[in-house]
Amino acid sequence: MTVDLQTGEKLRVVSWIILVPSIAAAICGVGATLMFALLSLAAYLAVDTAFPERYRAGTADLVLLAFGGALAVTASVVRMRRGRLDDDTAVFALRRLPEPQSDPGPASTTGRRSPS
C-alpha cells in the first residue's frame, strides 16, 4: 500500500493482484483457485477503499479483476478435466535417469592405466 501511495495515479501496484488467481489456476485445483480469486477481490476492495478518493482506481480495475478471476477459475476447470497435463509434464520435464552400467570403482576414472 505504501508503494501505491508513492507512485502516480497512472501506475497502481494493487492492480497487479490479478496475477494471484492466474498463478493459482496454473498450480492449484479449482477450489483453491476460486478461493484465491475471491480473496483477491476482497483484498482489492480493502486496499482501494483505504486510499483517498483521488488515488482510487475505481470500478474499471475491479471489473478487470473479477473477469480475470472468472477466467482463472475456468482455466483451472479445463486443466483439471483434461487430467493428462500432469502426466504430459512429467513425461517431458522429468526424464528418467539412466541406469548405471557398472561401478568402475574409485580408482578408474578415465579408463587409462598409469605407466609403470
N, C-alpha and C. Protein backbone atom coordinates (compact mmCIF):
# COMPACT_ATOMS: atom_id res chain seq x y z
N MET A 1 0.82 -1.18 0.00
CA MET A 1 0.00 0.00 0.00
C MET A 1 0.87 1.25 0.00
N THR A 2 1.99 1.20 0.68
CA THR A 2 2.89 2.35 0.71
C THR A 2 3.43 2.63 -0.68
N VAL A 3 3.70 1.58 -1.44
CA VAL A 3 4.22 1.75 -2.80
C VAL A 3 3.18 2.46 -3.66
N ASP A 4 1.92 2.10 -3.52
CA ASP A 4 0.88 2.75 -4.30
C ASP A 4 0.74 4.23 -3.96
N LEU A 5 0.92 4.59 -2.71
CA LEU A 5 0.83 6.00 -2.34
C LEU A 5 2.00 6.81 -2.87
N GLN A 6 3.13 6.18 -3.10
CA GLN A 6 4.31 6.89 -3.57
C GLN A 6 4.37 6.96 -5.09
N THR A 7 3.58 6.20 -5.79
CA THR A 7 3.56 6.25 -7.25
C THR A 7 2.42 7.15 -7.71
N GLY A 8 2.43 7.45 -8.98
CA GLY A 8 1.40 8.32 -9.53
C GLY A 8 0.07 7.60 -9.70
N GLU A 9 -0.90 8.35 -10.19
CA GLU A 9 -2.24 7.80 -10.36
C GLU A 9 -2.31 6.82 -11.52
N LYS A 10 -1.39 6.91 -12.46
CA LYS A 10 -1.42 6.04 -13.64
C LYS A 10 -0.91 4.64 -13.35
N LEU A 11 0.00 4.52 -12.40
CA LEU A 11 0.58 3.22 -12.07
C LEU A 11 0.05 2.78 -10.71
N ARG A 12 -0.70 1.71 -10.69
CA ARG A 12 -1.26 1.20 -9.45
C ARG A 12 -0.74 -0.21 -9.24
N VAL A 13 0.00 -0.42 -8.18
CA VAL A 13 0.56 -1.72 -7.87
C VAL A 13 -0.55 -2.70 -7.48
N VAL A 14 -1.60 -2.19 -6.84
CA VAL A 14 -2.68 -3.07 -6.40
C VAL A 14 -3.39 -3.72 -7.59
N SER A 15 -3.29 -3.13 -8.76
CA SER A 15 -3.91 -3.72 -9.95
C SER A 15 -3.22 -5.02 -10.37
N TRP A 16 -1.99 -5.21 -9.94
CA TRP A 16 -1.26 -6.42 -10.28
C TRP A 16 -1.74 -7.62 -9.49
N ILE A 17 -2.72 -7.44 -8.62
CA ILE A 17 -3.27 -8.54 -7.84
C ILE A 17 -3.97 -9.56 -8.74
N ILE A 18 -4.21 -9.20 -9.98
CA ILE A 18 -4.81 -10.13 -10.95
C ILE A 18 -3.92 -11.35 -11.16
N LEU A 19 -2.64 -11.22 -10.88
CA LEU A 19 -1.73 -12.35 -11.05
C LEU A 19 -1.99 -13.47 -10.05
N VAL A 20 -2.57 -13.16 -8.91
CA VAL A 20 -2.78 -14.17 -7.87
C VAL A 20 -3.70 -15.30 -8.36
N PRO A 21 -4.93 -15.01 -8.84
CA PRO A 21 -5.75 -16.14 -9.32
C PRO A 21 -5.20 -16.77 -10.59
N SER A 22 -4.47 -16.01 -11.38
CA SER A 22 -3.90 -16.58 -12.61
C SER A 22 -2.83 -17.62 -12.28
N ILE A 23 -1.99 -17.31 -11.33
CA ILE A 23 -0.96 -18.26 -10.92
C ILE A 23 -1.59 -19.46 -10.20
N ALA A 24 -2.63 -19.19 -9.41
CA ALA A 24 -3.33 -20.28 -8.73
C ALA A 24 -3.95 -21.24 -9.74
N ALA A 25 -4.45 -20.71 -10.85
CA ALA A 25 -5.05 -21.58 -11.88
C ALA A 25 -4.01 -22.51 -12.48
N ALA A 26 -2.77 -22.06 -12.51
CA ALA A 26 -1.72 -22.89 -13.11
C ALA A 26 -1.23 -23.98 -12.18
N ILE A 27 -1.31 -23.77 -10.86
CA ILE A 27 -0.70 -24.74 -9.96
C ILE A 27 -1.65 -25.34 -8.93
N CYS A 28 -2.86 -24.81 -8.79
CA CYS A 28 -3.80 -25.30 -7.78
C CYS A 28 -5.02 -25.94 -8.42
N GLY A 29 -5.85 -26.50 -7.60
CA GLY A 29 -7.10 -27.05 -8.06
C GLY A 29 -8.16 -25.98 -8.22
N VAL A 30 -9.36 -26.40 -8.58
CA VAL A 30 -10.44 -25.45 -8.84
C VAL A 30 -10.86 -24.73 -7.56
N GLY A 31 -11.00 -25.46 -6.47
CA GLY A 31 -11.42 -24.84 -5.21
C GLY A 31 -10.44 -23.80 -4.72
N ALA A 32 -9.16 -24.10 -4.78
CA ALA A 32 -8.14 -23.14 -4.34
C ALA A 32 -8.10 -21.93 -5.26
N THR A 33 -8.28 -22.16 -6.56
CA THR A 33 -8.29 -21.04 -7.50
C THR A 33 -9.47 -20.12 -7.23
N LEU A 34 -10.63 -20.70 -6.98
CA LEU A 34 -11.81 -19.90 -6.64
C LEU A 34 -11.59 -19.12 -5.35
N MET A 35 -10.97 -19.76 -4.37
CA MET A 35 -10.68 -19.09 -3.10
C MET A 35 -9.73 -17.90 -3.33
N PHE A 36 -8.68 -18.11 -4.11
CA PHE A 36 -7.73 -17.03 -4.38
C PHE A 36 -8.39 -15.91 -5.19
N ALA A 37 -9.28 -16.25 -6.09
CA ALA A 37 -9.98 -15.22 -6.87
C ALA A 37 -10.85 -14.36 -5.95
N LEU A 38 -11.58 -15.00 -5.04
CA LEU A 38 -12.43 -14.25 -4.12
C LEU A 38 -11.60 -13.44 -3.12
N LEU A 39 -10.52 -14.02 -2.63
CA LEU A 39 -9.64 -13.28 -1.72
C LEU A 39 -8.99 -12.09 -2.42
N SER A 40 -8.66 -12.24 -3.69
CA SER A 40 -8.09 -11.13 -4.45
C SER A 40 -9.09 -9.99 -4.59
N LEU A 41 -10.35 -10.34 -4.85
CA LEU A 41 -11.38 -9.30 -4.93
C LEU A 41 -11.53 -8.58 -3.59
N ALA A 42 -11.56 -9.34 -2.51
CA ALA A 42 -11.69 -8.74 -1.18
C ALA A 42 -10.49 -7.86 -0.83
N ALA A 43 -9.29 -8.34 -1.15
CA ALA A 43 -8.09 -7.56 -0.87
C ALA A 43 -8.06 -6.29 -1.70
N TYR A 44 -8.47 -6.39 -2.96
CA TYR A 44 -8.50 -5.20 -3.82
C TYR A 44 -9.47 -4.16 -3.27
N LEU A 45 -10.66 -4.61 -2.88
CA LEU A 45 -11.64 -3.67 -2.32
C LEU A 45 -11.12 -3.02 -1.04
N ALA A 46 -10.47 -3.81 -0.19
CA ALA A 46 -9.94 -3.27 1.07
C ALA A 46 -8.84 -2.25 0.82
N VAL A 47 -7.94 -2.57 -0.08
CA VAL A 47 -6.82 -1.67 -0.34
C VAL A 47 -7.28 -0.43 -1.10
N ASP A 48 -8.17 -0.61 -2.07
CA ASP A 48 -8.60 0.53 -2.88
C ASP A 48 -9.43 1.52 -2.07
N THR A 49 -10.24 1.03 -1.16
CA THR A 49 -11.04 1.96 -0.35
C THR A 49 -10.22 2.62 0.75
N ALA A 50 -9.01 2.13 1.02
CA ALA A 50 -8.14 2.76 2.02
C ALA A 50 -7.47 4.02 1.49
N PHE A 51 -7.44 4.19 0.18
CA PHE A 51 -6.81 5.36 -0.42
C PHE A 51 -7.75 6.55 -0.42
N PRO A 52 -7.19 7.75 -0.47
CA PRO A 52 -8.04 8.92 -0.68
C PRO A 52 -8.73 8.83 -2.05
N GLU A 53 -9.79 9.57 -2.22
CA GLU A 53 -10.63 9.47 -3.42
C GLU A 53 -9.85 9.69 -4.72
N ARG A 54 -8.90 10.59 -4.74
CA ARG A 54 -8.19 10.88 -5.99
C ARG A 54 -7.23 9.76 -6.41
N TYR A 55 -6.86 8.88 -5.47
CA TYR A 55 -5.95 7.78 -5.80
C TYR A 55 -6.65 6.46 -6.06
N ARG A 56 -7.94 6.41 -5.91
CA ARG A 56 -8.67 5.16 -6.10
C ARG A 56 -8.74 4.79 -7.58
N ALA A 57 -8.63 3.50 -7.85
CA ALA A 57 -8.70 3.03 -9.23
C ALA A 57 -10.14 2.92 -9.70
N GLY A 58 -11.03 2.61 -8.79
CA GLY A 58 -12.44 2.57 -9.15
C GLY A 58 -12.89 1.24 -9.70
N THR A 59 -14.01 1.29 -10.40
CA THR A 59 -14.65 0.06 -10.84
C THR A 59 -13.99 -0.60 -12.05
N ALA A 60 -13.22 0.16 -12.81
CA ALA A 60 -12.59 -0.43 -14.01
C ALA A 60 -11.65 -1.56 -13.62
N ASP A 61 -10.79 -1.33 -12.66
CA ASP A 61 -9.86 -2.38 -12.22
C ASP A 61 -10.59 -3.49 -11.48
N LEU A 62 -11.67 -3.14 -10.78
CA LEU A 62 -12.45 -4.16 -10.08
C LEU A 62 -13.11 -5.11 -11.07
N VAL A 63 -13.66 -4.57 -12.14
CA VAL A 63 -14.28 -5.41 -13.19
C VAL A 63 -13.21 -6.26 -13.87
N LEU A 64 -12.05 -5.67 -14.13
CA LEU A 64 -10.94 -6.42 -14.72
C LEU A 64 -10.51 -7.58 -13.82
N LEU A 65 -10.44 -7.32 -12.53
CA LEU A 65 -10.05 -8.37 -11.58
C LEU A 65 -11.11 -9.46 -11.51
N ALA A 66 -12.38 -9.09 -11.50
CA ALA A 66 -13.45 -10.09 -11.46
C ALA A 66 -13.45 -10.93 -12.73
N PHE A 67 -13.27 -10.29 -13.88
CA PHE A 67 -13.22 -11.02 -15.15
C PHE A 67 -11.99 -11.94 -15.19
N GLY A 68 -10.86 -11.44 -14.74
CA GLY A 68 -9.64 -12.26 -14.71
C GLY A 68 -9.77 -13.43 -13.75
N GLY A 69 -10.43 -13.22 -12.61
CA GLY A 69 -10.66 -14.31 -11.68
C GLY A 69 -11.57 -15.38 -12.26
N ALA A 70 -12.61 -14.94 -12.99
CA ALA A 70 -13.51 -15.90 -13.63
C ALA A 70 -12.77 -16.69 -14.71
N LEU A 71 -11.92 -16.02 -15.45
CA LEU A 71 -11.11 -16.73 -16.47
C LEU A 71 -10.15 -17.71 -15.82
N ALA A 72 -9.58 -17.33 -14.69
CA ALA A 72 -8.64 -18.22 -13.99
C ALA A 72 -9.36 -19.47 -13.49
N VAL A 73 -10.56 -19.31 -12.94
CA VAL A 73 -11.31 -20.46 -12.46
C VAL A 73 -11.69 -21.36 -13.64
N THR A 74 -12.10 -20.75 -14.75
CA THR A 74 -12.44 -21.52 -15.95
C THR A 74 -11.22 -22.29 -16.46
N ALA A 75 -10.06 -21.64 -16.48
CA ALA A 75 -8.84 -22.31 -16.92
C ALA A 75 -8.48 -23.46 -15.99
N SER A 76 -8.71 -23.28 -14.71
CA SER A 76 -8.43 -24.35 -13.76
C SER A 76 -9.36 -25.54 -13.97
N VAL A 77 -10.64 -25.26 -14.25
CA VAL A 77 -11.59 -26.34 -14.52
C VAL A 77 -11.17 -27.12 -15.76
N VAL A 78 -10.79 -26.41 -16.81
CA VAL A 78 -10.36 -27.06 -18.06
C VAL A 78 -9.11 -27.89 -17.81
N ARG A 79 -8.19 -27.34 -17.04
CA ARG A 79 -6.94 -28.06 -16.75
C ARG A 79 -7.22 -29.32 -15.95
N MET A 80 -8.10 -29.24 -14.99
CA MET A 80 -8.39 -30.41 -14.16
C MET A 80 -9.18 -31.47 -14.93
N ARG A 81 -10.05 -31.04 -15.82
CA ARG A 81 -10.81 -32.01 -16.62
C ARG A 81 -9.93 -32.70 -17.64
N ARG A 82 -8.98 -31.99 -18.12
CA ARG A 82 -8.08 -32.59 -19.11
C ARG A 82 -7.29 -33.73 -18.47
N GLY A 83 -6.79 -33.50 -17.27
CA GLY A 83 -6.18 -34.55 -16.49
C GLY A 83 -4.85 -35.07 -16.98
N ARG A 84 -4.62 -35.02 -18.26
CA ARG A 84 -3.38 -35.54 -18.81
C ARG A 84 -2.24 -34.56 -18.67
N LEU A 85 -2.52 -33.33 -18.28
CA LEU A 85 -1.48 -32.31 -18.23
C LEU A 85 -0.35 -32.71 -17.31
N ASP A 86 -0.69 -33.22 -16.14
CA ASP A 86 0.35 -33.61 -15.20
C ASP A 86 1.19 -34.76 -15.74
N ASP A 87 0.53 -35.72 -16.39
CA ASP A 87 1.27 -36.84 -16.97
C ASP A 87 2.17 -36.37 -18.11
N ASP A 88 1.67 -35.48 -18.96
CA ASP A 88 2.48 -34.96 -20.06
C ASP A 88 3.66 -34.17 -19.54
N THR A 89 3.44 -33.37 -18.51
CA THR A 89 4.53 -32.60 -17.93
C THR A 89 5.58 -33.52 -17.34
N ALA A 90 5.15 -34.55 -16.68
CA ALA A 90 6.11 -35.48 -16.08
C ALA A 90 6.91 -36.21 -17.15
N VAL A 91 6.29 -36.55 -18.26
CA VAL A 91 6.99 -37.26 -19.33
C VAL A 91 8.05 -36.37 -19.97
N PHE A 92 7.70 -35.12 -20.23
CA PHE A 92 8.62 -34.24 -20.95
C PHE A 92 9.60 -33.52 -20.05
N ALA A 93 9.21 -33.18 -18.85
CA ALA A 93 10.07 -32.39 -17.98
C ALA A 93 10.91 -33.24 -17.04
N LEU A 94 10.38 -34.36 -16.61
CA LEU A 94 11.08 -35.19 -15.64
C LEU A 94 11.52 -36.49 -16.31
N ARG A 95 12.63 -36.44 -16.94
CA ARG A 95 13.13 -37.63 -17.62
C ARG A 95 13.75 -38.59 -16.61
N ARG A 96 13.69 -39.86 -16.95
CA ARG A 96 14.29 -40.86 -16.08
C ARG A 96 15.81 -40.80 -16.19
N LEU A 97 16.44 -41.07 -15.06
CA LEU A 97 17.89 -41.15 -15.06
C LEU A 97 18.30 -42.49 -15.64
N PRO A 98 19.40 -42.50 -16.39
CA PRO A 98 19.85 -43.78 -16.94
C PRO A 98 20.33 -44.71 -15.82
N GLU A 99 20.14 -45.98 -16.05
CA GLU A 99 20.60 -46.98 -15.09
C GLU A 99 22.12 -47.04 -15.14
N PRO A 100 22.77 -47.19 -13.99
CA PRO A 100 24.23 -47.32 -14.00
C PRO A 100 24.65 -48.62 -14.69
N GLN A 101 25.64 -48.54 -15.57
CA GLN A 101 26.10 -49.71 -16.31
C GLN A 101 26.92 -50.63 -15.42
N SER A 102 27.89 -50.07 -14.78
CA SER A 102 28.70 -50.83 -13.84
C SER A 102 29.42 -49.84 -12.94
N ASP A 103 29.87 -50.31 -11.82
CA ASP A 103 30.58 -49.44 -10.89
C ASP A 103 32.07 -49.56 -11.17
N PRO A 104 32.68 -48.54 -11.78
CA PRO A 104 34.10 -48.65 -12.13
C PRO A 104 35.02 -48.58 -10.92
N GLY A 105 34.51 -48.16 -9.79
CA GLY A 105 35.36 -48.07 -8.61
C GLY A 105 36.00 -46.70 -8.52
N PRO A 106 36.56 -46.40 -7.38
CA PRO A 106 37.11 -45.05 -7.20
C PRO A 106 38.42 -44.80 -7.94
N ALA A 107 39.18 -45.84 -8.29
CA ALA A 107 40.50 -45.63 -8.89
C ALA A 107 40.43 -45.40 -10.39
N SER A 108 39.49 -45.96 -11.07
CA SER A 108 39.49 -45.86 -12.54
C SER A 108 38.47 -44.81 -12.97
N THR A 109 38.94 -43.58 -13.13
CA THR A 109 38.05 -42.51 -13.56
C THR A 109 38.15 -42.26 -15.05
N THR A 110 39.33 -42.47 -15.64
CA THR A 110 39.48 -42.20 -17.08
C THR A 110 39.56 -43.48 -17.90
N GLY A 111 39.78 -44.61 -17.30
CA GLY A 111 39.89 -45.85 -18.05
C GLY A 111 41.30 -46.12 -18.55
N ARG A 112 42.25 -45.22 -18.31
CA ARG A 112 43.63 -45.41 -18.74
C ARG A 112 44.46 -45.94 -17.58
N ARG A 113 45.45 -46.69 -17.95
CA ARG A 113 46.37 -47.18 -16.93
C ARG A 113 47.55 -46.23 -16.83
N SER A 114 48.04 -46.10 -15.65
CA SER A 114 49.22 -45.23 -15.48
C SER A 114 50.46 -46.01 -15.91
N PRO A 115 51.44 -45.30 -16.51
CA PRO A 115 52.67 -46.01 -16.95
C PRO A 115 53.43 -46.56 -15.74
N SER A 116 53.97 -47.78 -15.90
CA SER A 116 54.68 -48.41 -14.79
C SER A 116 56.14 -48.18 -14.88
